[in-house]
Protein backbone atom coordinates (compact mmCIF):
# COMPACT_ATOMS: atom_id res chain seq x y z
CA MET A 1 -0.02 34.26 9.65
CA ARG A 2 0.63 33.67 13.35
CA HIS A 3 -1.62 30.61 13.35
CA LEU A 4 0.24 29.12 10.39
CA LEU A 5 3.59 29.83 12.04
CA SER A 6 2.50 28.22 15.31
CA VAL A 7 1.17 25.15 13.49
CA ALA A 8 4.51 24.78 11.70
CA ILE A 9 6.76 25.38 14.73
CA LEU A 10 4.81 23.50 17.43
CA PRO A 11 5.54 19.98 16.07
CA LEU A 12 9.23 20.82 15.75
CA PHE A 13 9.37 22.11 19.31
CA LEU A 14 7.51 19.11 20.72
CA GLY A 15 9.68 16.73 18.71
CA GLY A 16 12.74 18.23 20.38
CA CYS A 17 11.25 17.48 23.79
CA ALA A 18 10.93 13.77 23.12
CA SER A 19 12.04 11.68 26.08
CA THR A 20 13.42 8.78 24.01
CA TYR A 21 15.52 8.68 20.93
CA PRO A 22 14.31 6.79 17.87
CA SER A 23 15.66 3.29 17.40
CA GLU A 24 18.89 2.98 15.50
CA VAL A 25 18.33 2.43 11.82
CA THR A 26 21.11 0.14 10.61
CA ALA A 27 21.44 -3.05 8.65
CA SER A 28 20.80 -6.19 10.65
CA ARG A 29 23.91 -7.83 9.20
CA ASP A 30 27.34 -6.43 8.56
CA PRO A 31 27.97 -6.57 4.79
CA SER A 32 31.70 -6.98 5.33
CA ASP A 33 31.19 -10.17 7.39
CA PRO A 34 32.13 -13.16 5.18
CA SER A 35 29.91 -15.51 7.19
CA ALA A 36 26.84 -13.33 6.64
CA GLU A 37 23.92 -15.15 5.11
CA ILE A 38 22.97 -14.21 1.57
CA VAL A 39 19.27 -13.75 1.01
CA SER A 40 18.25 -15.22 -2.30
CA SER A 41 15.97 -13.26 -4.57
CA HIS A 42 14.37 -14.25 -7.81
CA HIS A 43 12.81 -12.36 -10.66
CA HIS A 44 9.02 -12.06 -10.92
CA ASN A 45 7.69 -11.23 -14.35
CA PRO A 46 5.27 -8.31 -13.82
CA ILE A 47 3.16 -9.16 -16.87
CA ALA A 48 3.07 -12.94 -16.47
CA GLY A 49 -0.70 -13.16 -16.00
CA TYR A 50 -1.61 -10.59 -18.65
CA LEU A 51 -4.61 -11.46 -20.78
CA HIS A 52 -5.63 -9.17 -23.64
CA ARG A 53 -9.31 -8.21 -23.55
CA ASP A 54 -11.16 -6.27 -26.20
CA PRO A 55 -13.80 -3.73 -25.15
CA VAL A 56 -17.40 -4.87 -25.55
CA ASP A 57 -20.71 -3.03 -25.68
CA PRO A 58 -22.60 -2.78 -22.39
CA LYS A 59 -25.40 -5.24 -21.76
CA PRO A 60 -28.89 -4.06 -20.83
CA TRP A 61 -28.76 -3.30 -17.12
CA LYS A 62 -32.40 -4.18 -16.40
CA LYS A 63 -31.94 -7.80 -17.47
CA LEU A 64 -28.70 -8.11 -15.50
CA ASN A 65 -30.41 -6.64 -12.44
CA ASP A 66 -33.37 -9.03 -12.74
CA ASP A 67 -31.03 -12.01 -13.16
CA ALA A 68 -29.06 -11.02 -10.05
CA ALA A 69 -32.25 -10.57 -8.03
CA SER A 70 -33.61 -13.98 -9.06
CA GLU A 71 -30.36 -15.68 -7.99
CA GLY A 72 -30.98 -14.64 -4.39
CA GLY A 73 -28.77 -11.56 -4.20
CA ASP A 74 -29.01 -9.10 -1.31
CA GLN A 75 -32.27 -9.73 0.55
CA SER A 76 -32.36 -6.45 2.47
């Protein structure tokens, strides 16, 4: 139990001893500024390249292996 407690408390203690503060996390542009540039975005269809494929029976692996070996596959 003491080991678990020390593992949980040690990072919190060391994080409090940090010499620098983390960088400020803010927006790079003020949204209320009328001269702020508007970043354009466009819609990407997530299924645009979808192609329906039916399942097929597996081919004999010995013939596929022999064909790959004769084509100059891995020569190790």
